């Protein structure tokens, strides 16, 4: 990962890219640095991810709430102001959002 000089991120100027879930939609705004990805992600109401994710993340809930479903069947609910962290390949998980949610998600090489 390279050094990142001080900078601000104007999220209003970053394109929202739509990704379809198994049900509902996700909208990503992504800033990419070498070995580091920072995203604002919104899930529509009724969202269910179309895949199980093995990637590590730091996830912070900005608005709303959602459930991280683990492949073990465990379900962890996160609401506004709550966060979780997991390293790569330590959990197979997917997101579910009944009423919609806005998240800040950070991932990268440091979570391997």
N, C-alpha and C. Protein backbone atom coordinates (compact mmCIF):
# COMPACT_ATOMS: atom_id res chain seq x y z
N UNK A 1 0.85 -1.17 0.00
CA UNK A 1 0.00 0.00 0.00
C UNK A 1 0.89 1.24 0.00
N UNK A 2 0.56 2.19 -0.84
CA UNK A 2 1.35 3.41 -0.93
C UNK A 2 0.88 4.43 0.10
N UNK A 3 1.72 5.42 0.34
CA UNK A 3 1.34 6.50 1.25
C UNK A 3 0.24 7.34 0.61
N UNK A 4 -0.68 7.81 1.43
CA UNK A 4 -1.79 8.63 0.95
C UNK A 4 -1.65 10.01 1.57
N UNK A 5 -1.44 11.03 0.75
CA UNK A 5 -1.34 12.37 1.31
C UNK A 5 -2.70 12.83 1.83
N UNK A 6 -2.69 13.81 2.73
CA UNK A 6 -3.93 14.34 3.28
C UNK A 6 -4.84 14.79 2.14
N UNK A 7 -6.09 14.36 2.21
CA UNK A 7 -7.07 14.77 1.22
C UNK A 7 -8.48 14.57 1.76
N UNK A 8 -9.40 15.29 1.20
CA UNK A 8 -10.80 15.12 1.55
C UNK A 8 -11.49 14.32 0.45
N UNK A 9 -12.63 13.74 0.79
CA UNK A 9 -13.42 13.00 -0.20
C UNK A 9 -14.77 13.69 -0.30
N UNK A 10 -15.09 14.22 -1.45
CA UNK A 10 -16.39 14.83 -1.71
C UNK A 10 -17.29 13.75 -2.32
N UNK A 11 -18.06 13.07 -1.47
CA UNK A 11 -18.88 11.95 -1.93
C UNK A 11 -19.92 12.39 -2.95
N UNK A 12 -20.32 13.65 -2.93
CA UNK A 12 -21.32 14.13 -3.88
C UNK A 12 -20.78 14.13 -5.31
N UNK A 13 -19.46 14.11 -5.47
CA UNK A 13 -18.87 14.13 -6.80
C UNK A 13 -18.50 12.73 -7.31
N UNK A 14 -18.75 11.71 -6.51
CA UNK A 14 -18.37 10.34 -6.89
C UNK A 14 -19.60 9.60 -7.40
N UNK A 15 -19.46 9.03 -8.57
CA UNK A 15 -20.56 8.33 -9.24
C UNK A 15 -21.09 7.18 -8.39
N UNK A 16 -22.42 7.04 -8.38
CA UNK A 16 -23.07 5.89 -7.74
C UNK A 16 -23.23 4.81 -8.79
N UNK A 17 -22.72 3.62 -8.49
CA UNK A 17 -22.81 2.49 -9.40
C UNK A 17 -23.80 1.49 -8.80
N UNK A 18 -24.75 1.05 -9.60
CA UNK A 18 -25.79 0.14 -9.14
C UNK A 18 -25.38 -1.32 -9.33
N UNK A 19 -25.62 -2.10 -8.29
CA UNK A 19 -25.39 -3.55 -8.33
C UNK A 19 -26.68 -4.22 -7.88
N UNK A 20 -27.14 -5.19 -8.66
CA UNK A 20 -28.37 -5.89 -8.30
C UNK A 20 -28.05 -6.98 -7.29
N UNK A 21 -28.90 -7.07 -6.27
CA UNK A 21 -28.80 -8.17 -5.32
C UNK A 21 -29.67 -9.31 -5.80
N UNK A 22 -29.71 -10.38 -5.02
CA UNK A 22 -30.67 -11.44 -5.32
C UNK A 22 -32.06 -10.83 -5.30
N UNK A 23 -32.26 -9.91 -4.36
CA UNK A 23 -33.46 -9.08 -4.28
C UNK A 23 -32.98 -7.67 -3.95
N UNK A 24 -33.56 -6.66 -4.56
CA UNK A 24 -33.18 -5.28 -4.27
C UNK A 24 -31.90 -4.86 -4.97
N UNK A 25 -31.42 -3.68 -4.59
CA UNK A 25 -30.25 -3.09 -5.24
C UNK A 25 -29.28 -2.52 -4.21
N UNK A 26 -28.02 -2.47 -4.62
CA UNK A 26 -26.97 -1.81 -3.86
C UNK A 26 -26.40 -0.70 -4.74
N UNK A 27 -26.04 0.40 -4.12
CA UNK A 27 -25.42 1.52 -4.82
C UNK A 27 -24.09 1.81 -4.14
N UNK A 28 -23.01 1.73 -4.92
CA UNK A 28 -21.66 1.94 -4.40
C UNK A 28 -21.09 3.23 -4.93
N UNK A 29 -20.43 3.97 -4.05
CA UNK A 29 -19.55 5.07 -4.43
C UNK A 29 -18.18 4.66 -3.90
N UNK A 30 -17.20 4.57 -4.79
CA UNK A 30 -15.92 3.96 -4.44
C UNK A 30 -14.75 4.89 -4.68
N UNK A 31 -13.85 4.93 -3.68
CA UNK A 31 -12.56 5.60 -3.81
C UNK A 31 -11.51 4.51 -3.64
N UNK A 32 -10.62 4.40 -4.62
CA UNK A 32 -9.63 3.32 -4.62
C UNK A 32 -8.23 3.91 -4.51
N UNK A 33 -7.46 3.39 -3.56
CA UNK A 33 -6.04 3.70 -3.43
C UNK A 33 -5.31 2.37 -3.57
N UNK A 34 -4.01 2.39 -3.72
CA UNK A 34 -3.26 1.14 -3.80
C UNK A 34 -3.49 0.31 -2.54
N UNK A 35 -4.13 -0.84 -2.66
CA UNK A 35 -4.34 -1.73 -1.54
C UNK A 35 -5.39 -1.29 -0.54
N UNK A 36 -6.17 -0.26 -0.87
CA UNK A 36 -7.20 0.26 0.04
C UNK A 36 -8.41 0.71 -0.77
N UNK A 37 -9.58 0.27 -0.35
CA UNK A 37 -10.83 0.68 -1.00
C UNK A 37 -11.76 1.24 0.08
N UNK A 38 -12.32 2.41 -0.20
CA UNK A 38 -13.27 3.05 0.70
C UNK A 38 -14.56 3.26 -0.08
N UNK A 39 -15.69 2.80 0.49
CA UNK A 39 -16.97 2.90 -0.21
C UNK A 39 -18.06 3.44 0.69
N UNK A 40 -18.93 4.25 0.10
CA UNK A 40 -20.24 4.53 0.68
C UNK A 40 -21.18 3.60 -0.06
N UNK A 41 -21.91 2.78 0.69
CA UNK A 41 -22.79 1.79 0.09
C UNK A 41 -24.19 1.95 0.65
N UNK A 42 -25.17 1.97 -0.24
CA UNK A 42 -26.57 2.01 0.18
C UNK A 42 -27.27 0.77 -0.35
N UNK A 43 -28.01 0.11 0.53
CA UNK A 43 -28.85 -1.01 0.14
C UNK A 43 -30.29 -0.55 0.14
N UNK A 44 -31.03 -0.91 -0.88
CA UNK A 44 -32.45 -0.58 -0.95
C UNK A 44 -33.21 -1.39 0.09
N UNK A 45 -34.43 -1.00 0.35
CA UNK A 45 -35.26 -1.82 1.23
C UNK A 45 -35.51 -3.15 0.54
N UNK A 46 -35.57 -4.20 1.32
CA UNK A 46 -35.77 -5.53 0.78
C UNK A 46 -34.53 -6.13 0.15
N UNK A 47 -33.34 -5.58 0.43
CA UNK A 47 -32.10 -6.04 -0.21
C UNK A 47 -31.62 -7.37 0.38
N UNK A 48 -31.20 -8.26 -0.50
CA UNK A 48 -30.51 -9.50 -0.13
C UNK A 48 -29.35 -9.65 -1.11
N UNK A 49 -28.13 -9.74 -0.59
CA UNK A 49 -26.95 -9.89 -1.44
C UNK A 49 -27.06 -11.15 -2.30
N UNK A 50 -26.50 -11.08 -3.48
CA UNK A 50 -26.57 -12.21 -4.41
C UNK A 50 -25.38 -13.16 -4.28
N UNK A 51 -24.56 -12.97 -3.24
CA UNK A 51 -23.38 -13.81 -3.06
C UNK A 51 -22.98 -13.85 -1.58
N UNK A 52 -22.21 -14.87 -1.24
CA UNK A 52 -21.58 -14.96 0.07
C UNK A 52 -20.18 -14.38 -0.07
N UNK A 53 -19.81 -13.49 0.80
CA UNK A 53 -18.53 -12.77 0.69
C UNK A 53 -17.52 -13.34 1.68
N UNK A 54 -16.29 -13.51 1.21
CA UNK A 54 -15.18 -13.99 2.04
C UNK A 54 -14.20 -12.85 2.38
N UNK A 55 -14.45 -11.68 1.79
CA UNK A 55 -13.54 -10.54 1.93
C UNK A 55 -13.63 -9.95 3.33
N UNK A 56 -12.53 -9.45 3.82
CA UNK A 56 -12.50 -8.73 5.08
C UNK A 56 -12.99 -7.31 4.89
N UNK A 57 -13.63 -6.76 5.91
CA UNK A 57 -14.15 -5.40 5.85
C UNK A 57 -14.11 -4.75 7.22
N UNK A 58 -14.11 -3.44 7.21
CA UNK A 58 -14.53 -2.63 8.35
C UNK A 58 -15.81 -1.98 7.86
N UNK A 59 -16.92 -2.22 8.56
CA UNK A 59 -18.22 -1.72 8.14
C UNK A 59 -18.79 -0.85 9.25
N UNK A 60 -19.19 0.36 8.90
CA UNK A 60 -19.82 1.28 9.85
C UNK A 60 -21.19 1.68 9.31
N UNK A 61 -22.21 1.53 10.13
CA UNK A 61 -23.57 1.86 9.73
C UNK A 61 -23.83 3.35 9.99
N UNK A 62 -24.10 4.09 8.93
CA UNK A 62 -24.34 5.52 9.02
C UNK A 62 -25.82 5.82 9.26
N UNK A 63 -26.69 5.12 8.53
CA UNK A 63 -28.15 5.32 8.64
C UNK A 63 -28.84 3.98 8.47
N UNK A 64 -29.94 3.78 9.18
CA UNK A 64 -30.74 2.58 9.03
C UNK A 64 -30.15 1.41 9.79
N UNK A 65 -30.47 0.21 9.33
CA UNK A 65 -29.96 -1.01 9.95
C UNK A 65 -29.94 -2.13 8.92
N UNK A 66 -29.14 -3.14 9.20
CA UNK A 66 -29.06 -4.29 8.31
C UNK A 66 -28.60 -5.50 9.11
N UNK A 67 -28.67 -6.64 8.47
CA UNK A 67 -28.23 -7.89 9.09
C UNK A 67 -27.09 -8.46 8.26
N UNK A 68 -26.04 -8.88 8.96
CA UNK A 68 -24.99 -9.67 8.33
C UNK A 68 -25.29 -11.11 8.68
N UNK A 69 -25.62 -11.88 7.66
CA UNK A 69 -25.91 -13.30 7.85
C UNK A 69 -24.63 -14.08 7.58
N UNK A 70 -24.23 -14.91 8.53
CA UNK A 70 -23.05 -15.74 8.37
C UNK A 70 -23.46 -17.10 7.83
N UNK A 71 -22.55 -17.76 7.15
CA UNK A 71 -22.86 -19.07 6.57
C UNK A 71 -23.19 -20.10 7.65
N UNK A 72 -22.84 -19.82 8.89
CA UNK A 72 -23.17 -20.70 10.01
C UNK A 72 -24.64 -20.60 10.40
N UNK A 73 -25.34 -19.60 9.82
CA UNK A 73 -26.74 -19.37 10.16
C UNK A 73 -26.92 -18.24 11.16
N UNK A 74 -25.83 -17.82 11.79
CA UNK A 74 -25.90 -16.70 12.74
C UNK A 74 -26.24 -15.41 12.01
N UNK A 75 -27.05 -14.57 12.64
CA UNK A 75 -27.42 -13.28 12.07
C UNK A 75 -27.06 -12.18 13.06
N UNK A 76 -26.29 -11.20 12.59
CA UNK A 76 -25.85 -10.09 13.44
C UNK A 76 -26.48 -8.82 12.90
N UNK A 77 -27.25 -8.15 13.75
CA UNK A 77 -27.93 -6.91 13.35
C UNK A 77 -27.07 -5.72 13.74
N UNK A 78 -26.86 -4.81 12.78
CA UNK A 78 -26.14 -3.57 13.03
C UNK A 78 -27.05 -2.40 12.73
N UNK A 79 -27.04 -1.42 13.61
CA UNK A 79 -27.81 -0.21 13.42
C UNK A 79 -26.91 1.01 13.39
N UNK A 80 -27.53 2.15 13.23
CA UNK A 80 -26.82 3.43 13.14
C UNK A 80 -25.81 3.57 14.28
N UNK A 81 -24.58 3.91 13.90
CA UNK A 81 -23.52 4.13 14.87
C UNK A 81 -22.76 2.88 15.27
N UNK A 82 -23.15 1.71 14.74
CA UNK A 82 -22.46 0.46 15.07
C UNK A 82 -21.56 0.03 13.92
N UNK A 83 -20.55 -0.77 14.26
CA UNK A 83 -19.56 -1.22 13.27
C UNK A 83 -19.23 -2.69 13.50
N UNK A 84 -18.66 -3.31 12.46
CA UNK A 84 -18.02 -4.60 12.64
C UNK A 84 -16.75 -4.65 11.82
N UNK A 85 -15.87 -5.58 12.18
CA UNK A 85 -14.63 -5.79 11.45
C UNK A 85 -14.38 -7.29 11.34
N UNK A 86 -13.88 -7.72 10.19
CA UNK A 86 -13.51 -9.13 9.98
C UNK A 86 -12.39 -9.17 8.94
N UNK A 87 -11.46 -10.08 9.11
CA UNK A 87 -10.37 -10.25 8.15
C UNK A 87 -10.79 -11.17 7.01
N UNK A 88 -10.04 -11.12 5.93
CA UNK A 88 -10.28 -11.97 4.76
C UNK A 88 -10.35 -13.44 5.17
N UNK A 89 -11.27 -14.16 4.58
CA UNK A 89 -11.39 -15.62 4.70
C UNK A 89 -11.67 -16.14 6.11
N UNK A 90 -12.17 -15.28 7.00
CA UNK A 90 -12.51 -15.74 8.35
C UNK A 90 -14.01 -15.87 8.55
N UNK A 91 -14.79 -15.45 7.57
CA UNK A 91 -16.24 -15.53 7.70
C UNK A 91 -16.87 -15.44 6.33
N UNK A 92 -17.78 -16.33 6.06
CA UNK A 92 -18.58 -16.22 4.85
C UNK A 92 -19.86 -15.51 5.26
N UNK A 93 -20.10 -14.33 4.67
CA UNK A 93 -21.21 -13.50 5.11
C UNK A 93 -21.91 -12.84 3.93
N UNK A 94 -23.16 -12.43 4.17
CA UNK A 94 -23.90 -11.66 3.16
C UNK A 94 -24.82 -10.69 3.90
N UNK A 95 -25.20 -9.63 3.20
CA UNK A 95 -25.99 -8.56 3.81
C UNK A 95 -27.46 -8.67 3.44
N UNK A 96 -28.29 -8.31 4.41
CA UNK A 96 -29.74 -8.26 4.24
C UNK A 96 -30.21 -6.94 4.83
N UNK A 97 -31.05 -6.22 4.09
CA UNK A 97 -31.59 -4.97 4.62
C UNK A 97 -33.09 -4.91 4.35
N UNK A 98 -33.85 -4.90 5.42
CA UNK A 98 -35.31 -4.87 5.28
C UNK A 98 -35.82 -3.49 4.86
N UNK A 99 -35.27 -2.43 5.47
CA UNK A 99 -35.79 -1.08 5.23
C UNK A 99 -34.80 -0.15 4.54
N UNK A 100 -33.63 -0.65 4.17
CA UNK A 100 -32.61 0.19 3.54
C UNK A 100 -31.58 0.64 4.57
N UNK A 101 -30.38 0.88 4.10
CA UNK A 101 -29.28 1.24 4.99
C UNK A 101 -28.20 1.97 4.21
N UNK A 102 -27.42 2.78 4.92
CA UNK A 102 -26.27 3.47 4.34
C UNK A 102 -25.05 3.12 5.17
N UNK A 103 -24.00 2.62 4.50
CA UNK A 103 -22.81 2.11 5.18
C UNK A 103 -21.55 2.77 4.66
N UNK A 104 -20.54 2.86 5.52
CA UNK A 104 -19.18 3.17 5.11
C UNK A 104 -18.41 1.86 5.24
N UNK A 105 -17.82 1.40 4.13
CA UNK A 105 -17.11 0.12 4.12
C UNK A 105 -15.68 0.36 3.67
N UNK A 106 -14.74 -0.13 4.48
CA UNK A 106 -13.32 0.00 4.17
C UNK A 106 -12.74 -1.40 4.11
N UNK A 107 -12.02 -1.68 3.05
CA UNK A 107 -11.33 -2.97 2.95
C UNK A 107 -10.03 -2.78 2.19
N UNK A 108 -9.19 -3.78 2.29
CA UNK A 108 -7.91 -3.70 1.60
C UNK A 108 -6.93 -4.73 2.08
N UNK A 109 -5.71 -4.59 1.61
CA UNK A 109 -4.64 -5.55 1.86
C UNK A 109 -4.35 -5.74 3.35
N UNK A 110 -4.60 -4.73 4.17
CA UNK A 110 -4.30 -4.80 5.60
C UNK A 110 -5.19 -5.80 6.34
N UNK A 111 -6.25 -6.30 5.69
CA UNK A 111 -7.16 -7.26 6.33
C UNK A 111 -6.85 -8.70 5.92
N UNK A 112 -5.74 -8.94 5.24
CA UNK A 112 -5.39 -10.31 4.83
C UNK A 112 -4.84 -11.07 6.01
